[in-house]
């Protein structure tokens, strides 16, 4: 049972929308059901990861019961899919136990963390990660293995097979290309919780902990040019 002095999903959504609007952005998607809320937003301004492949910064929010998660978000315009950067230094988890004073204190903290995720630094870091990922060859099988632990057992094999199919069908063999295979599946997924997990996993692929193998110079040039 939720604490009576905790924010409702409606109040959380309103605060999120107000802070995004104050930053010049807009809420692009919202899904609310019971005590669960998923919301994503985009901010003005774009940058190219590579030629003809631009992205926008943004913020993603998830609320469930007495917990709120807020992360920087990146939206790729070419394929209209997004990635959640849960590893970013601006990310924050607001838990009930942290706020004994109740809703007013939670609201203040939520506004602060949304503003932090709107910062230019969060967007610059995301673009830098993705540009680096575009120069590193992906080991799809190895890079995707951690995803199994994040997925319900009954859908894990099907999800991985779909991602591998999308990755194989594309021309981009970089870690950035693998990220886009994951987030494109997320875009086409109706289950909001599964979609969030996929976007969060995809957002972490550019910084996956593994000694990188840089693409040969000729292949790297083609990737950066979008060939």
C-alpha atoms as a PDB file:
ATOM      1  CA  UNK A   1       0.000   0.000   0.000  1.00  0.00           C
ATOM      2  CA  UNK A   2       1.314   3.445  -0.926  1.00  0.00           C
ATOM      3  CA  UNK A   3       2.045   5.977   1.775  1.00  0.00           C
ATOM      4  CA  UNK A   4      -0.650   8.614   1.843  1.00  0.00           C
ATOM      5  CA  UNK A   5       1.870  11.445   1.748  1.00  0.00           C
ATOM      6  CA  UNK A   6       3.608  10.115  -1.385  1.00  0.00           C
ATOM      7  CA  UNK A   7       3.024  11.713  -4.777  1.00  0.00           C
ATOM      8  CA  UNK A   8       0.345  10.233  -7.036  1.00  0.00           C
ATOM      9  CA  UNK A   9       1.245   9.286 -10.609  1.00  0.00           C
ATOM     10  CA  UNK A  10      -0.799  12.280 -11.758  1.00  0.00           C
ATOM     11  CA  UNK A  11       1.234  14.638  -9.573  1.00  0.00           C
ATOM     12  CA  UNK A  12       4.511  13.057 -10.698  1.00  0.00           C
ATOM     13  CA  UNK A  13       3.472  13.416 -14.328  1.00  0.00           C
ATOM     14  CA  UNK A  14       2.503  17.060 -13.830  1.00  0.00           C
ATOM     15  CA  UNK A  15       5.821  17.921 -12.192  1.00  0.00           C
ATOM     16  CA  UNK A  16       7.707  16.131 -14.956  1.00  0.00           C
ATOM     17  CA  UNK A  17       5.783  17.995 -17.670  1.00  0.00           C
ATOM     18  CA  UNK A  18       6.284  21.370 -15.965  1.00  0.00           C
ATOM     19  CA  UNK A  19      10.049  20.949 -15.651  1.00  0.00           C
ATOM     20  CA  UNK A  20      10.423  19.680 -19.209  1.00  0.00           C
ATOM     21  CA  UNK A  21       8.405  22.643 -20.509  1.00  0.00           C
ATOM     22  CA  UNK A  22      10.567  25.013 -18.466  1.00  0.00           C
ATOM     23  CA  UNK A  23      13.613  23.542 -20.216  1.00  0.00           C
ATOM     24  CA  UNK A  24      11.999  24.202 -23.609  1.00  0.00           C
ATOM     25  CA  UNK A  25      11.118  20.569 -24.282  1.00  0.00           C
ATOM     26  CA  UNK A  26       7.972  18.486 -24.520  1.00  0.00           C
ATOM     27  CA  UNK A  27       6.680  15.217 -23.117  1.00  0.00           C
ATOM     28  CA  UNK A  28       6.661  12.814 -26.057  1.00  0.00           C
ATOM     29  CA  UNK A  29       5.067   9.756 -24.465  1.00  0.00           C
ATOM     30  CA  UNK A  30       3.191   8.862 -21.295  1.00  0.00           C
ATOM     31  CA  UNK A  31       1.727   5.593 -20.075  1.00  0.00           C
ATOM     32  CA  UNK A  32      -0.031   5.426 -16.709  1.00  0.00           C
ATOM     33  CA  UNK A  33      -1.833   2.520 -15.125  1.00  0.00           C
ATOM     34  CA  UNK A  34      -2.628   2.296 -11.427  1.00  0.00           C
ATOM     35  CA  UNK A  35       0.491   3.227  -9.456  1.00  0.00           C
ATOM     36  CA  UNK A  36       2.789   2.823 -12.500  1.00  0.00           C
ATOM     37  CA  UNK A  37       3.893   5.639 -14.764  1.00  0.00           C
ATOM     38  CA  UNK A  38       6.265   5.668 -17.743  1.00  0.00           C
ATOM     39  CA  UNK A  39       7.122   8.995 -19.378  1.00  0.00           C
ATOM     40  CA  UNK A  40       9.631  10.197 -21.940  1.00  0.00           C
ATOM     41  CA  UNK A  41      10.468  13.663 -23.186  1.00  0.00           C
ATOM     42  CA  UNK A  42      12.675  15.370 -25.738  1.00  0.00           C
ATOM     43  CA  UNK A  43      14.537  18.649 -25.492  1.00  0.00           C
ATOM     44  CA  UNK A  44      15.349  21.167 -28.225  1.00  0.00           C
ATOM     45  CA  UNK A  45      18.546  20.878 -30.214  1.00  0.00           C
ATOM     46  CA  UNK A  46      20.125  18.033 -32.161  1.00  0.00           C
ATOM     47  CA  UNK A  47      23.605  16.691 -32.802  1.00  0.00           C
ATOM     48  CA  UNK A  48      24.948  14.206 -35.315  1.00  0.00           C
ATOM     49  CA  UNK A  49      26.376  10.931 -34.089  1.00  0.00           C
ATOM     50  CA  UNK A  50      27.599  10.476 -37.642  1.00  0.00           C
ATOM     51  CA  UNK A  51      26.691  12.030 -40.986  1.00  0.00           C
ATOM     52  CA  UNK A  52      22.921  12.202 -41.417  1.00  0.00           C
ATOM     53  CA  UNK A  53      22.209  10.467 -38.086  1.00  0.00           C
ATOM     54  CA  UNK A  54      21.061  13.035 -35.544  1.00  0.00           C
ATOM     55  CA  UNK A  55      19.834  12.633 -31.979  1.00  0.00           C
ATOM     56  CA  UNK A  56      17.997  14.731 -29.405  1.00  0.00           C
ATOM     57  CA  UNK A  57      18.477  14.756 -25.668  1.00  0.00           C
ATOM     58  CA  UNK A  58      15.646  14.215 -23.238  1.00  0.00           C
ATOM     59  CA  UNK A  59      14.557  12.729 -19.929  1.00  0.00           C
ATOM     60  CA  UNK A  60      12.837   9.434 -19.100  1.00  0.00           C
ATOM     61  CA  UNK A  61      10.855   8.780 -15.924  1.00  0.00           C
ATOM     62  CA  UNK A  62       9.405   5.643 -14.367  1.00  0.00           C
ATOM     63  CA  UNK A  63       7.332   5.518 -11.185  1.00  0.00           C
ATOM     64  CA  UNK A  64       6.032   2.428  -9.384  1.00  0.00           C
ATOM     65  CA  UNK A  65       4.423   2.388  -5.941  1.00  0.00           C
ATOM     66  CA  UNK A  66       6.791   4.476  -3.768  1.00  0.00           C
ATOM     67  CA  UNK A  67       9.783   4.656  -6.119  1.00  0.00           C
ATOM     68  CA  UNK A  68      10.670   7.066  -8.916  1.00  0.00           C
ATOM     69  CA  UNK A  69      13.518   6.646 -11.396  1.00  0.00           C
ATOM     70  CA  UNK A  70      14.698   9.541 -13.581  1.00  0.00           C
ATOM     71  CA  UNK A  71      17.336   9.181 -16.303  1.00  0.00           C
ATOM     72  CA  UNK A  72      18.776  11.118 -19.225  1.00  0.00           C
ATOM     73  CA  UNK A  73      17.203   9.943 -22.470  1.00  0.00           C
ATOM     74  CA  UNK A  74      18.425  10.076 -26.057  1.00  0.00           C
ATOM     75  CA  UNK A  75      16.145  10.011 -29.099  1.00  0.00           C
ATOM     76  CA  UNK A  76      17.443   8.954 -32.502  1.00  0.00           C
ATOM     77  CA  UNK A  77      15.572  10.812 -35.232  1.00  0.00           C
ATOM     78  CA  UNK A  78      16.393   8.507 -38.160  1.00  0.00           C
ATOM     79  CA  UNK A  79      14.543   5.500 -36.781  1.00  0.00           C
ATOM     80  CA  UNK A  80      12.433   7.286 -34.142  1.00  0.00           C
ATOM     81  CA  UNK A  81      13.685   5.128 -31.287  1.00  0.00           C
ATOM     82  CA  UNK A  82      15.051   6.069 -27.891  1.00  0.00           C
ATOM     83  CA  UNK A  83      17.581   4.888 -25.318  1.00  0.00           C
ATOM     84  CA  UNK A  84      17.590   5.351 -21.552  1.00  0.00           C
ATOM     85  CA  UNK A  85      20.975   6.156 -19.979  1.00  0.00           C
ATOM     86  CA  UNK A  86      20.554   4.543 -16.553  1.00  0.00           C
ATOM     87  CA  UNK A  87      24.352   4.588 -16.065  1.00  0.00           C
ATOM     88  CA  UNK A  88      24.586   8.384 -16.419  1.00  0.00           C
ATOM     89  CA  UNK A  89      25.836  10.400 -13.454  1.00  0.00           C
ATOM     90  CA  UNK A  90      22.638  12.489 -13.601  1.00  0.00           C
ATOM     91  CA  UNK A  91      20.394   9.456 -13.063  1.00  0.00           C
ATOM     92  CA  UNK A  92      18.536   9.211  -9.763  1.00  0.00           C
ATOM     93  CA  UNK A  93      16.300   6.826  -7.836  1.00  0.00           C
ATOM     94  CA  UNK A  94      13.930   8.506  -5.392  1.00  0.00           C
ATOM     95  CA  UNK A  95      12.824   5.988  -2.756  1.00  0.00           C
ATOM     96  CA  UNK A  96      10.182   6.465  -0.099  1.00  0.00           C
ATOM     97  CA  UNK A  97      12.577   5.960   2.826  1.00  0.00           C
ATOM     98  CA  UNK A  98      14.645   8.985   1.727  1.00  0.00           C
ATOM     99  CA  UNK A  99      11.760  11.418   2.270  1.00  0.00           C
ATOM    100  CA  UNK A 100      10.255  11.243   5.755  1.00  0.00           C
ATOM    101  CA  UNK A 101       8.737  14.720   5.330  1.00  0.00           C
ATOM    102  CA  UNK A 102       6.451  13.422   2.585  1.00  0.00           C
ATOM    103  CA  UNK A 103       5.122  14.674  -0.721  1.00  0.00           C
ATOM    104  CA  UNK A 104       6.440  18.232  -0.612  1.00  0.00           C
ATOM    105  CA  UNK A 105       9.990  17.021  -0.089  1.00  0.00           C
ATOM    106  CA  UNK A 106       9.604  14.410  -2.848  1.00  0.00           C
ATOM    107  CA  UNK A 107       8.287  17.017  -5.273  1.00  0.00           C
ATOM    108  CA  UNK A 108      11.256  19.302  -4.613  1.00  0.00           C
ATOM    109  CA  UNK A 109      13.733  16.454  -5.157  1.00  0.00           C
ATOM    110  CA  UNK A 110      11.951  15.324  -8.325  1.00  0.00           C
ATOM    111  CA  UNK A 111      12.129  18.800  -9.826  1.00  0.00           C
ATOM    112  CA  UNK A 112      15.830  18.994  -9.042  1.00  0.00           C
ATOM    113  CA  UNK A 113      16.713  15.676 -10.635  1.00  0.00           C
ATOM    114  CA  UNK A 114      14.671  16.356 -13.781  1.00  0.00           C
ATOM    115  CA  UNK A 115      16.582  19.624 -14.166  1.00  0.00           C
ATOM    116  CA  UNK A 116      19.889  17.786 -13.764  1.00  0.00           C
ATOM    117  CA  UNK A 117      18.911  15.327 -16.491  1.00  0.00           C
ATOM    118  CA  UNK A 118      18.035  18.270 -18.763  1.00  0.00           C
ATOM    119  CA  UNK A 119      21.541  19.681 -18.437  1.00  0.00           C
ATOM    120  CA  UNK A 120      23.638  20.131 -21.563  1.00  0.00           C
ATOM    121  CA  UNK A 121      26.307  17.935 -19.992  1.00  0.00           C
ATOM    122  CA  UNK A 122      23.974  14.922 -20.002  1.00  0.00           C
ATOM    123  CA  UNK A 123      23.348  15.313 -23.739  1.00  0.00           C
ATOM    124  CA  UNK A 124      27.019  15.917 -24.567  1.00  0.00           C
ATOM    125  CA  UNK A 125      28.028  12.774 -22.671  1.00  0.00           C
ATOM    126  CA  UNK A 126      25.451  10.700 -24.552  1.00  0.00           C
ATOM    127  CA  UNK A 127      26.597  11.922 -27.956  1.00  0.00           C
ATOM    128  CA  UNK A 128      30.250  11.295 -27.081  1.00  0.00           C
ATOM    129  CA  UNK A 129      29.430   7.730 -25.986  1.00  0.00           C
ATOM    130  CA  UNK A 130      27.531   7.009 -29.174  1.00  0.00           C
ATOM    131  CA  UNK A 131      30.223   8.446 -31.427  1.00  0.00           C
ATOM    132  CA  UNK A 132      32.768   6.212 -29.721  1.00  0.00           C
ATOM    133  CA  UNK A 133      30.430   3.210 -29.976  1.00  0.00           C
ATOM    134  CA  UNK A 134      30.123   3.811 -33.734  1.00  0.00           C
ATOM    135  CA  UNK A 135      33.868   3.102 -34.036  1.00  0.00           C
ATOM    136  CA  UNK A 136      33.880  -0.155 -32.031  1.00  0.00           C
ATOM    137  CA  UNK A 137      32.891  -3.481 -33.532  1.00  0.00           C
ATOM    138  CA  UNK A 138      30.163  -5.269 -31.572  1.00  0.00           C
ATOM    139  CA  UNK A 139      30.361  -8.858 -30.401  1.00  0.00           C
ATOM    140  CA  UNK A 140      26.586  -9.263 -30.531  1.00  0.00           C
ATOM    141  CA  UNK A 141      26.400 -12.600 -28.745  1.00  0.00           C
ATOM    142  CA  UNK A 142      28.622 -11.541 -25.863  1.00  0.00           C
ATOM    143  CA  UNK A 143      27.242  -7.997 -25.600  1.00  0.00           C
ATOM    144  CA  UNK A 144      23.649  -9.244 -25.428  1.00  0.00           C
ATOM    145  CA  UNK A 145      24.163 -11.983 -22.812  1.00  0.00           C
ATOM    146  CA  UNK A 146      23.532  -9.661 -19.804  1.00  0.00           C
ATOM    147  CA  UNK A 147      20.115  -8.874 -21.257  1.00  0.00           C
ATOM    148  CA  UNK A 148      18.889 -12.386 -20.403  1.00  0.00           C
ATOM    149  CA  UNK A 149      19.039 -11.654 -16.685  1.00  0.00           C
ATOM    150  CA  UNK A 150      16.812  -8.598 -17.174  1.00  0.00           C
ATOM    151  CA  UNK A 151      14.069 -10.340 -19.123  1.00  0.00           C
ATOM    152  CA  UNK A 152      11.251 -12.652 -18.055  1.00  0.00           C
ATOM    153  CA  UNK A 153      12.323 -16.213 -18.855  1.00  0.00           C
ATOM    154  CA  UNK A 154       9.344 -16.817 -21.116  1.00  0.00           C
ATOM    155  CA  UNK A 155      10.284 -14.008 -23.531  1.00  0.00           C
ATOM    156  CA  UNK A 156      14.087 -13.924 -23.271  1.00  0.00           C
ATOM    157  CA  UNK A 157      14.922 -16.243 -26.167  1.00  0.00           C
ATOM    158  CA  UNK A 158      12.383 -14.628 -28.476  1.00  0.00           C
ATOM    159  CA  UNK A 159      13.638 -11.121 -27.688  1.00  0.00           C
ATOM    160  CA  UNK A 160      17.274 -12.052 -28.277  1.00  0.00           C
ATOM    161  CA  UNK A 161      16.414 -13.749 -31.548  1.00  0.00           C
ATOM    162  CA  UNK A 162      14.559 -10.656 -32.720  1.00  0.00           C
ATOM    163  CA  UNK A 163      17.454  -8.371 -31.796  1.00  0.00           C
ATOM    164  CA  UNK A 164      19.969 -10.592 -33.564  1.00  0.00           C
ATOM    165  CA  UNK A 165      17.760 -10.624 -36.650  1.00  0.00           C
ATOM    166  CA  UNK A 166      17.535  -6.840 -36.729  1.00  0.00           C
ATOM    167  CA  UNK A 167      21.264  -6.480 -36.177  1.00  0.00           C
ATOM    168  CA  UNK A 168      22.069  -8.956 -38.952  1.00  0.00           C
ATOM    169  CA  UNK A 169      19.673  -7.202 -41.335  1.00  0.00           C
ATOM    170  CA  UNK A 170      21.394  -3.864 -40.836  1.00  0.00           C
ATOM    171  CA  UNK A 171      24.689  -2.704 -42.302  1.00  0.00           C
ATOM    172  CA  UNK A 172      26.133  -1.290 -39.099  1.00  0.00           C
ATOM    173  CA  UNK A 173      28.311  -3.821 -37.239  1.00  0.00           C
ATOM    174  CA  UNK A 174      29.380  -1.359 -34.564  1.00  0.00           C
ATOM    175  CA  UNK A 175      28.238  -1.273 -30.945  1.00  0.00           C
ATOM    176  CA  UNK A 176      26.120   1.726 -31.917  1.00  0.00           C
ATOM    177  CA  UNK A 177      24.425  -0.454 -34.533  1.00  0.00           C
ATOM    178  CA  UNK A 178      23.726  -3.110 -31.919  1.00  0.00           C
ATOM    179  CA  UNK A 179      22.258  -0.488 -29.603  1.00  0.00           C
ATOM    180  CA  UNK A 180      19.921   0.587 -32.384  1.00  0.00           C
ATOM    181  CA  UNK A 181      18.835  -3.008 -32.997  1.00  0.00           C
ATOM    182  CA  UNK A 182      17.825  -3.242 -29.329  1.00  0.00           C
ATOM    183  CA  UNK A 183      16.063   0.107 -29.170  1.00  0.00           C
ATOM    184  CA  UNK A 184      14.243  -0.428 -32.458  1.00  0.00           C
ATOM    185  CA  UNK A 185      12.723  -3.565 -30.937  1.00  0.00           C
ATOM    186  CA  UNK A 186      11.829  -1.521 -27.856  1.00  0.00           C
ATOM    187  CA  UNK A 187      10.030   0.987 -30.074  1.00  0.00           C
ATOM    188  CA  UNK A 188       7.895  -1.819 -31.514  1.00  0.00           C
ATOM    189  CA  UNK A 189       7.159  -3.420 -28.127  1.00  0.00           C
ATOM    190  CA  UNK A 190       3.730  -2.774 -26.600  1.00  0.00           C
ATOM    191  CA  UNK A 191       4.495  -3.914 -23.057  1.00  0.00           C
ATOM    192  CA  UNK A 192       5.657  -0.689 -21.307  1.00  0.00           C
ATOM    193  CA  UNK A 193       7.800  -2.495 -18.715  1.00  0.00           C
ATOM    194  CA  UNK A 194       9.576  -4.633 -21.321  1.00  0.00           C
ATOM    195  CA  UNK A 195      10.052  -1.616 -23.542  1.00  0.00           C
ATOM    196  CA  UNK A 196      11.690   0.259 -20.654  1.00  0.00           C
ATOM    197  CA  UNK A 197      14.063  -2.642 -19.961  1.00  0.00           C
ATOM    198  CA  UNK A 198      15.104  -2.798 -23.596  1.00  0.00           C
ATOM    199  CA  UNK A 199      15.658   0.960 -23.859  1.00  0.00           C
ATOM    200  CA  UNK A 200      17.652   0.907 -20.640  1.00  0.00           C
ATOM    201  CA  UNK A 201      19.799  -2.001 -21.793  1.00  0.00           C
ATOM    202  CA  UNK A 202      20.311  -0.412 -25.206  1.00  0.00           C
ATOM    203  CA  UNK A 203      21.337   2.854 -23.597  1.00  0.00           C
ATOM    204  CA  UNK A 204      24.121   1.066 -21.739  1.00  0.00           C
ATOM    205  CA  UNK A 205      25.602  -0.743 -24.745  1.00  0.00           C
ATOM    206  CA  UNK A 206      27.848   2.146 -25.852  1.00  0.00           C
ATOM    207  CA  UNK A 207      29.692   1.848 -22.537  1.00  0.00           C
ATOM    208  CA  UNK A 208      29.523  -1.959 -22.162  1.00  0.00           C
ATOM    209  CA  UNK A 209      32.494  -3.122 -20.120  1.00  0.00           C
ATOM    210  CA  UNK A 210      34.646  -5.040 -22.572  1.00  0.00           C
ATOM    211  CA  UNK A 211      38.050  -4.336 -24.109  1.00  0.00           C
ATOM    212  CA  UNK A 212      37.123  -2.684 -27.413  1.00  0.00           C
ATOM    213  CA  UNK A 213      38.274  -3.828 -30.825  1.00  0.00           C
ATOM    214  CA  UNK A 214      38.401  -0.768 -33.004  1.00  0.00           C
ATOM    215  CA  UNK A 215      37.088  -1.195 -36.511  1.00  0.00           C
ATOM    216  CA  UNK A 216      39.671  -1.078 -39.329  1.00  0.00           C
ATOM    217  CA  UNK A 217      40.145   2.443 -40.652  1.00  0.00           C
ATOM    218  CA  UNK A 218      38.274   1.779 -43.899  1.00  0.00           C
ATOM    219  CA  UNK A 219      35.312   0.167 -42.119  1.00  0.00           C
ATOM    220  CA  UNK A 220      35.262   2.921 -39.518  1.00  0.00           C
ATOM    221  CA  UNK A 221      35.156   5.582 -42.220  1.00  0.00           C
ATOM    222  CA  UNK A 222      32.141   3.866 -43.795  1.00  0.00           C
ATOM    223  CA  UNK A 223      30.323   3.648 -40.451  1.00  0.00           C
ATOM    224  CA  UNK A 224      30.894   7.305 -39.659  1.00  0.00           C
ATOM    225  CA  UNK A 225      29.706   8.268 -43.111  1.00  0.00           C
ATOM    226  CA  UNK A 226      26.606   6.102 -42.747  1.00  0.00           C
ATOM    227  CA  UNK A 227      27.559   3.962 -45.743  1.00  0.00           C
END
